[in-house]
Amino acid sequence: MSPRASQGLYRAAQALALVEGRTWCVPDDVKRLGVPVIAHRLVPSPSGRRRGAGASTSEDLVAELLDEVQVPR
């Protein structure tokens, strides 16, 4: 992920927290916004799709990765 993508995700999570009445972000804000903010920046390669990577679209890939990341406690 590029630095601009991570900055966009960071700012989107801040905006979501603010809209929801919080002055802080929680990991679920990042997970909720990951697909719409990051997916359009990825293009899955045809060879990756043939290898059975599981995710057929960039949205599926980002969602799968976000599901695998554990929220710190």
N, C-alpha and C. Protein backbone atom coordinates (compact mmCIF):
# COMPACT_ATOMS: atom_id res chain seq x y z
N MET A 1 0.85 -1.17 0.00
CA MET A 1 0.00 0.00 0.00
C MET A 1 0.90 1.24 0.00
N SER A 2 0.51 2.21 -0.75
CA SER A 2 1.31 3.42 -0.87
C SER A 2 1.12 4.32 0.35
N PRO A 3 2.05 5.23 0.59
CA PRO A 3 1.87 6.17 1.70
C PRO A 3 0.59 7.00 1.56
N ARG A 4 0.23 7.37 0.33
CA ARG A 4 -1.01 8.14 0.15
C ARG A 4 -2.23 7.32 0.51
N ALA A 5 -2.21 6.03 0.19
CA ALA A 5 -3.33 5.17 0.54
C ALA A 5 -3.48 5.06 2.06
N SER A 6 -2.36 4.88 2.75
CA SER A 6 -2.44 4.76 4.21
C SER A 6 -2.86 6.08 4.85
N GLN A 7 -2.42 7.20 4.28
CA GLN A 7 -2.86 8.50 4.80
C GLN A 7 -4.34 8.70 4.55
N GLY A 8 -4.81 8.27 3.39
CA GLY A 8 -6.24 8.38 3.09
C GLY A 8 -7.07 7.55 4.04
N LEU A 9 -6.61 6.35 4.33
CA LEU A 9 -7.33 5.48 5.27
C LEU A 9 -7.32 6.09 6.67
N TYR A 10 -6.21 6.65 7.07
CA TYR A 10 -6.08 7.30 8.38
C TYR A 10 -7.07 8.46 8.50
N ARG A 11 -7.12 9.30 7.47
CA ARG A 11 -8.01 10.47 7.52
C ARG A 11 -9.47 10.06 7.42
N ALA A 12 -9.76 9.05 6.64
CA ALA A 12 -11.14 8.57 6.54
C ALA A 12 -11.60 8.00 7.88
N ALA A 13 -10.72 7.28 8.58
CA ALA A 13 -11.07 6.74 9.89
C ALA A 13 -11.29 7.88 10.90
N GLN A 14 -10.48 8.93 10.82
CA GLN A 14 -10.69 10.09 11.69
C GLN A 14 -12.05 10.73 11.41
N ALA A 15 -12.38 10.87 10.14
CA ALA A 15 -13.66 11.49 9.76
C ALA A 15 -14.83 10.64 10.24
N LEU A 16 -14.73 9.32 10.09
CA LEU A 16 -15.80 8.44 10.55
C LEU A 16 -15.99 8.56 12.06
N ALA A 17 -14.89 8.57 12.79
CA ALA A 17 -14.98 8.72 14.24
C ALA A 17 -15.66 10.03 14.60
N LEU A 18 -15.32 11.10 13.92
CA LEU A 18 -15.91 12.40 14.19
C LEU A 18 -17.40 12.40 13.89
N VAL A 19 -17.78 11.80 12.77
CA VAL A 19 -19.20 11.72 12.40
C VAL A 19 -19.99 10.93 13.44
N GLU A 20 -19.34 9.93 14.03
CA GLU A 20 -19.99 9.11 15.05
C GLU A 20 -19.86 9.71 16.45
N GLY A 21 -19.35 10.92 16.54
CA GLY A 21 -19.32 11.62 17.82
C GLY A 21 -18.13 11.31 18.70
N ARG A 22 -17.07 10.76 18.13
CA ARG A 22 -15.88 10.44 18.91
C ARG A 22 -14.72 11.32 18.46
N THR A 23 -13.80 11.55 19.37
CA THR A 23 -12.58 12.29 19.02
C THR A 23 -11.40 11.33 18.86
N TRP A 24 -11.67 10.03 18.82
CA TRP A 24 -10.64 9.03 18.66
C TRP A 24 -11.12 7.96 17.68
N CYS A 25 -10.17 7.31 17.02
CA CYS A 25 -10.48 6.21 16.11
C CYS A 25 -10.31 4.89 16.84
N VAL A 26 -11.06 3.93 16.41
CA VAL A 26 -10.93 2.57 16.93
C VAL A 26 -10.56 1.67 15.75
N PRO A 27 -9.97 0.52 16.01
CA PRO A 27 -9.58 -0.37 14.91
C PRO A 27 -10.75 -0.73 13.98
N ASP A 28 -11.94 -0.81 14.52
CA ASP A 28 -13.08 -1.14 13.68
C ASP A 28 -13.36 -0.05 12.65
N ASP A 29 -13.00 1.19 12.93
CA ASP A 29 -13.14 2.27 11.94
C ASP A 29 -12.27 1.97 10.73
N VAL A 30 -11.05 1.55 10.99
CA VAL A 30 -10.11 1.24 9.92
C VAL A 30 -10.60 0.04 9.12
N LYS A 31 -11.06 -1.00 9.81
CA LYS A 31 -11.55 -2.19 9.13
C LYS A 31 -12.79 -1.88 8.30
N ARG A 32 -13.65 -1.04 8.82
CA ARG A 32 -14.88 -0.68 8.11
C ARG A 32 -14.59 0.08 6.81
N LEU A 33 -13.55 0.89 6.81
CA LEU A 33 -13.24 1.74 5.66
C LEU A 33 -12.17 1.17 4.75
N GLY A 34 -11.56 0.07 5.14
CA GLY A 34 -10.46 -0.47 4.35
C GLY A 34 -10.83 -0.79 2.91
N VAL A 35 -11.94 -1.47 2.70
CA VAL A 35 -12.32 -1.85 1.34
C VAL A 35 -12.61 -0.63 0.47
N PRO A 36 -13.47 0.30 0.89
CA PRO A 36 -13.75 1.43 -0.01
C PRO A 36 -12.55 2.36 -0.24
N VAL A 37 -11.64 2.44 0.71
CA VAL A 37 -10.50 3.36 0.56
C VAL A 37 -9.35 2.72 -0.21
N ILE A 38 -9.12 1.43 -0.03
CA ILE A 38 -7.93 0.79 -0.59
C ILE A 38 -8.20 -0.03 -1.86
N ALA A 39 -9.35 -0.66 -1.95
CA ALA A 39 -9.59 -1.64 -3.02
C ALA A 39 -9.40 -1.08 -4.42
N HIS A 40 -9.80 0.15 -4.64
CA HIS A 40 -9.67 0.69 -6.00
C HIS A 40 -8.22 0.93 -6.41
N ARG A 41 -7.30 0.84 -5.46
CA ARG A 41 -5.88 1.03 -5.77
C ARG A 41 -5.19 -0.26 -6.15
N LEU A 42 -5.87 -1.39 -6.01
CA LEU A 42 -5.27 -2.70 -6.30
C LEU A 42 -5.87 -3.31 -7.55
N VAL A 43 -5.02 -4.02 -8.28
CA VAL A 43 -5.47 -4.77 -9.45
C VAL A 43 -4.91 -6.18 -9.31
N PRO A 44 -5.77 -7.16 -8.97
CA PRO A 44 -5.26 -8.53 -8.83
C PRO A 44 -4.71 -9.04 -10.16
N SER A 45 -3.58 -9.69 -10.10
CA SER A 45 -2.97 -10.22 -11.33
C SER A 45 -3.71 -11.49 -11.76
N PRO A 46 -3.78 -11.73 -13.05
CA PRO A 46 -4.42 -12.97 -13.53
C PRO A 46 -3.73 -14.22 -13.00
N SER A 47 -2.41 -14.19 -12.86
CA SER A 47 -1.71 -15.37 -12.35
C SER A 47 -2.06 -15.63 -10.90
N GLY A 48 -2.28 -14.59 -10.12
CA GLY A 48 -2.69 -14.77 -8.73
C GLY A 48 -4.07 -15.39 -8.62
N ARG A 49 -4.95 -15.00 -9.54
CA ARG A 49 -6.31 -15.56 -9.54
C ARG A 49 -6.29 -17.03 -9.93
N ARG A 50 -5.39 -17.39 -10.84
CA ARG A 50 -5.31 -18.80 -11.27
C ARG A 50 -4.76 -19.69 -10.18
N ARG A 51 -3.90 -19.15 -9.34
CA ARG A 51 -3.28 -19.96 -8.28
C ARG A 51 -4.25 -20.25 -7.15
N GLY A 52 -5.46 -19.77 -7.25
CA GLY A 52 -6.43 -20.04 -6.21
C GLY A 52 -6.21 -19.21 -4.97
N ALA A 53 -5.87 -17.95 -5.15
CA ALA A 53 -5.61 -17.08 -4.02
C ALA A 53 -6.87 -16.84 -3.18
N GLY A 54 -8.02 -17.25 -3.70
CA GLY A 54 -9.25 -17.09 -2.93
C GLY A 54 -10.01 -15.85 -3.31
N ALA A 55 -9.35 -14.75 -3.41
CA ALA A 55 -10.00 -13.48 -3.72
C ALA A 55 -9.97 -13.24 -5.22
N SER A 56 -11.13 -12.99 -5.80
CA SER A 56 -11.17 -12.79 -7.25
C SER A 56 -11.17 -11.32 -7.62
N THR A 57 -11.57 -10.46 -6.72
CA THR A 57 -11.58 -9.02 -7.00
C THR A 57 -10.73 -8.30 -5.96
N SER A 58 -10.39 -7.07 -6.24
CA SER A 58 -9.60 -6.31 -5.27
C SER A 58 -10.39 -6.10 -3.98
N GLU A 59 -11.72 -5.93 -4.10
CA GLU A 59 -12.54 -5.79 -2.90
C GLU A 59 -12.48 -7.04 -2.03
N ASP A 60 -12.56 -8.21 -2.69
CA ASP A 60 -12.47 -9.47 -1.95
C ASP A 60 -11.11 -9.63 -1.27
N LEU A 61 -10.06 -9.24 -1.99
CA LEU A 61 -8.71 -9.35 -1.45
C LEU A 61 -8.53 -8.49 -0.21
N VAL A 62 -8.95 -7.23 -0.28
CA VAL A 62 -8.81 -6.34 0.87
C VAL A 62 -9.66 -6.84 2.03
N ALA A 63 -10.89 -7.26 1.76
CA ALA A 63 -11.77 -7.77 2.82
C ALA A 63 -11.16 -9.00 3.49
N GLU A 64 -10.58 -9.88 2.68
CA GLU A 64 -9.94 -11.08 3.22
C GLU A 64 -8.76 -10.72 4.12
N LEU A 65 -7.94 -9.79 3.68
CA LEU A 65 -6.79 -9.37 4.48
C LEU A 65 -7.23 -8.70 5.78
N LEU A 66 -8.24 -7.84 5.70
CA LEU A 66 -8.72 -7.17 6.92
C LEU A 66 -9.34 -8.17 7.90
N ASP A 67 -9.96 -9.23 7.40
CA ASP A 67 -10.52 -10.25 8.29
C ASP A 67 -9.43 -11.01 9.03
N GLU A 68 -8.26 -11.14 8.39
CA GLU A 68 -7.16 -11.89 9.00
C GLU A 68 -6.41 -11.11 10.07
N VAL A 69 -6.50 -9.78 10.02
CA VAL A 69 -5.76 -8.95 10.97
C VAL A 69 -6.53 -8.93 12.29
N GLN A 70 -5.84 -9.27 13.37
CA GLN A 70 -6.47 -9.26 14.68
C GLN A 70 -6.39 -7.86 15.27
N VAL A 71 -7.47 -7.46 15.91
CA VAL A 71 -7.53 -6.16 16.57
C VAL A 71 -6.74 -6.24 17.87
N PRO A 72 -5.82 -5.30 18.11
CA PRO A 72 -5.06 -5.33 19.36
C PRO A 72 -5.97 -5.14 20.57
N ARG A 73 -5.60 -5.77 21.65
CA ARG A 73 -6.43 -5.67 22.88
C ARG A 73 -5.60 -5.10 24.00
